[in-house]
N, C-alpha and C. Protein backbone atom coordinates (compact mmCIF):
# COMPACT_ATOMS: atom_id res chain seq x y z
N ILE A 1 -17.37 25.46 18.00
CA ILE A 1 -17.39 24.19 17.35
C ILE A 1 -17.89 24.48 15.91
N GLU A 2 -17.16 23.78 14.78
CA GLU A 2 -17.76 24.00 13.55
C GLU A 2 -17.95 22.41 12.95
N ILE A 3 -18.95 22.08 12.35
CA ILE A 3 -19.15 20.63 11.76
C ILE A 3 -19.39 20.90 10.07
N LYS A 4 -18.58 20.44 9.37
CA LYS A 4 -19.03 20.60 7.72
C LYS A 4 -19.27 19.24 7.65
N TYR A 5 -20.78 19.32 6.87
CA TYR A 5 -21.36 17.56 6.42
C TYR A 5 -21.77 17.53 5.22
N GLU A 6 -21.93 16.67 4.87
CA GLU A 6 -22.32 16.02 3.50
C GLU A 6 -23.15 14.93 3.68
N LEU A 7 -24.49 14.90 3.17
CA LEU A 7 -25.30 13.49 3.49
C LEU A 7 -25.43 13.21 1.74
N ILE A 8 -25.00 12.33 1.66
CA ILE A 8 -24.83 11.26 0.14
C ILE A 8 -25.95 10.38 -0.05
N GLN A 9 -26.49 10.07 -1.17
CA GLN A 9 -27.39 8.90 -1.33
C GLN A 9 -26.59 7.90 -1.90
N MET A 10 -26.52 6.42 -1.22
CA MET A 10 -25.70 5.46 -1.59
C MET A 10 -25.73 5.29 -2.71
N ASP A 11 -26.88 4.52 -3.14
CA ASP A 11 -27.27 4.10 -4.35
C ASP A 11 -26.81 5.02 -5.61
N SER A 12 -27.16 6.40 -5.63
CA SER A 12 -26.92 7.18 -6.44
C SER A 12 -25.45 8.16 -6.41
N GLY A 13 -25.09 8.32 -5.04
CA GLY A 13 -23.92 9.22 -5.18
C GLY A 13 -24.34 10.65 -5.27
N GLU A 14 -25.68 10.87 -5.15
CA GLU A 14 -26.29 12.10 -5.39
C GLU A 14 -25.97 12.96 -3.96
N VAL A 15 -25.54 13.88 -3.92
CA VAL A 15 -25.68 14.95 -2.73
C VAL A 15 -27.21 15.44 -2.13
N ILE A 16 -27.28 15.17 -1.17
CA ILE A 16 -29.10 15.62 -0.88
C ILE A 16 -28.62 16.59 0.14
N SER A 17 -27.58 16.72 1.00
CA SER A 17 -27.51 18.00 1.33
C SER A 17 -25.91 18.26 2.26
N ARG A 18 -25.89 19.37 1.99
CA ARG A 18 -24.33 19.86 2.65
C ARG A 18 -24.34 20.82 3.14
N GLY A 19 -23.42 21.09 4.11
CA GLY A 19 -23.62 22.52 5.21
C GLY A 19 -22.79 22.76 6.01
N THR A 20 -22.81 23.65 6.84
CA THR A 20 -22.01 23.84 8.05
C THR A 20 -22.43 24.46 8.92
N THR A 21 -22.42 23.69 9.83
CA THR A 21 -23.25 24.21 11.53
C THR A 21 -21.89 24.77 12.63
N ARG A 22 -22.50 25.30 13.20
CA ARG A 22 -21.52 25.90 14.44
C ARG A 22 -22.28 25.75 15.72
N GLY A 23 -21.64 25.28 16.84
CA GLY A 23 -22.20 25.20 18.16
C GLY A 23 -21.46 26.05 19.10
N PHE A 24 -22.14 27.05 20.11
CA PHE A 24 -21.27 27.50 20.91
C PHE A 24 -21.78 27.49 22.37
N ALA A 25 -21.14 27.88 23.12
CA ALA A 25 -21.02 27.68 24.54
C ALA A 25 -20.52 28.84 25.42
N GLN A 26 -21.25 29.32 26.33
CA GLN A 26 -20.55 30.41 27.21
C GLN A 26 -20.49 29.90 28.68
N TYR A 27 -19.57 30.94 28.97
CA TYR A 27 -18.64 30.42 30.19
C TYR A 27 -18.31 31.81 30.89
N ASP A 28 -18.46 31.88 32.31
CA ASP A 28 -18.11 32.80 33.12
C ASP A 28 -16.83 32.65 33.82
N VAL A 29 -15.97 33.68 33.56
CA VAL A 29 -14.51 33.61 34.33
C VAL A 29 -13.91 34.82 34.49
N THR A 30 -13.14 34.98 35.70
CA THR A 30 -12.95 36.26 36.05
C THR A 30 -11.68 36.74 35.30
N GLY A 31 -10.90 35.87 34.62
CA GLY A 31 -9.83 36.45 33.83
C GLY A 31 -9.93 36.09 32.43
N SER A 32 -8.87 36.24 31.98
CA SER A 32 -8.95 36.30 30.49
C SER A 32 -8.91 34.93 29.55
N GLU A 33 -8.49 33.69 30.28
CA GLU A 33 -8.33 32.55 30.01
C GLU A 33 -9.16 31.63 31.00
N ILE A 34 -9.66 30.36 30.31
CA ILE A 34 -10.12 29.35 30.69
C ILE A 34 -9.07 28.27 31.65
N THR A 35 -8.93 28.43 32.58
CA THR A 35 -7.94 27.59 33.33
C THR A 35 -8.43 26.34 33.87
N ASN A 36 -9.60 25.84 33.83
CA ASN A 36 -10.07 24.92 34.37
C ASN A 36 -10.29 23.84 32.87
N GLU A 37 -9.70 22.76 32.95
CA GLU A 37 -9.48 21.82 31.93
C GLU A 37 -10.90 21.04 31.67
N ASP A 38 -11.64 20.79 32.92
CA ASP A 38 -13.14 20.40 33.24
C ASP A 38 -14.00 21.18 32.56
N THR A 39 -13.80 22.28 32.99
CA THR A 39 -14.94 23.52 32.28
C THR A 39 -14.77 23.70 30.49
N ARG A 40 -13.45 23.45 30.33
CA ARG A 40 -13.11 23.67 28.76
C ARG A 40 -13.79 22.27 28.24
N LYS A 41 -13.60 20.95 28.55
CA LYS A 41 -14.34 19.85 27.86
C LYS A 41 -15.70 20.21 28.02
N SER A 42 -16.47 20.47 29.42
CA SER A 42 -17.88 20.58 29.25
C SER A 42 -18.21 21.31 28.39
N MET A 43 -17.59 22.64 28.14
CA MET A 43 -18.13 23.87 27.12
C MET A 43 -17.96 23.10 25.48
N THR A 44 -17.34 22.28 25.23
CA THR A 44 -16.54 21.68 24.23
C THR A 44 -17.92 20.59 23.73
N LYS A 45 -18.16 19.78 24.69
CA LYS A 45 -19.48 18.94 24.68
C LYS A 45 -20.50 20.13 24.34
N ILE A 46 -20.89 20.82 25.30
CA ILE A 46 -22.00 21.40 24.86
C ILE A 46 -22.19 22.09 23.46
N ALA A 47 -20.68 22.51 23.03
CA ALA A 47 -20.85 23.35 21.83
C ALA A 47 -21.19 22.15 20.72
N THR A 48 -20.62 21.24 21.36
CA THR A 48 -20.85 20.00 19.68
C THR A 48 -22.21 19.70 19.72
N LYS A 49 -22.75 19.43 20.66
CA LYS A 49 -23.73 18.93 20.77
C LYS A 49 -24.87 19.96 20.05
N ASN A 50 -24.56 21.24 20.42
CA ASN A 50 -25.60 22.43 19.84
C ASN A 50 -25.42 22.08 18.25
N ALA A 51 -24.00 22.15 17.87
CA ALA A 51 -24.16 22.11 16.24
C ALA A 51 -24.66 20.79 15.68
N ILE A 52 -24.75 19.97 16.36
CA ILE A 52 -25.16 18.45 15.82
C ILE A 52 -26.58 18.67 15.54
N GLN A 53 -27.17 19.22 16.74
CA GLN A 53 -28.83 19.26 16.68
C GLN A 53 -28.85 20.26 15.50
N LEU A 54 -28.21 21.31 15.41
CA LEU A 54 -28.38 22.18 13.92
C LEU A 54 -28.53 21.52 12.94
N MET A 55 -27.41 20.39 12.72
CA MET A 55 -27.05 19.91 11.39
C MET A 55 -28.30 18.97 11.30
N THR A 56 -28.47 18.03 12.39
CA THR A 56 -29.89 17.07 11.89
C THR A 56 -31.31 18.17 12.01
N SER A 57 -31.50 19.00 12.32
CA SER A 57 -32.54 19.68 11.81
C SER A 57 -32.30 20.52 10.26
N ARG A 58 -31.27 20.77 9.86
CA ARG A 58 -30.90 21.20 8.51
C ARG A 58 -31.20 19.85 7.53
N ILE A 59 -30.80 18.89 8.17
CA ILE A 59 -30.95 17.79 7.19
C ILE A 59 -32.38 17.20 6.85
N GLN A 60 -32.99 17.49 8.12
CA GLN A 60 -34.45 16.89 7.94
C GLN A 60 -35.20 17.61 7.18
N SER A 61 -34.72 19.08 7.01
CA SER A 61 -35.55 19.79 6.55
C SER A 61 -35.23 19.97 4.96
N SER A 62 -33.82 19.46 4.52
CA SER A 62 -33.62 19.38 2.94
C SER A 62 -34.18 18.06 2.80
N ILE A 63 -34.33 17.28 3.36
CA ILE A 63 -34.62 15.82 2.86
C ILE A 63 -36.46 16.26 2.83
N SER A 64 -37.22 16.65 3.73
CA SER A 64 -38.63 17.06 3.29
C SER A 64 -39.07 17.88 1.92
N ARG A 65 -38.03 18.48 1.77
CA ARG A 65 -38.33 19.17 0.01
C ARG A 65 -38.46 18.39 -0.74
C-alpha cells in the first residue's frame, strides 16, 4: 500500500508536510498466488494501518521542527 499525502495549513495555504509512505504485510502461501479473499483483505488492512502509522509519525515530526 502506498499513501501520498500533503498537509496544508488552512488559513495560509502553506504546505506543512508532504510525502509518501508505504505499508507492507507478509503472508505464507503454498502456491504463488493468494487464493483466499479474506487473507487478501486482511493483508490490505494491515499494510494500510502500517502506512498510516508511518505517515502520522512523519507529520508529527515535521510539525515539531
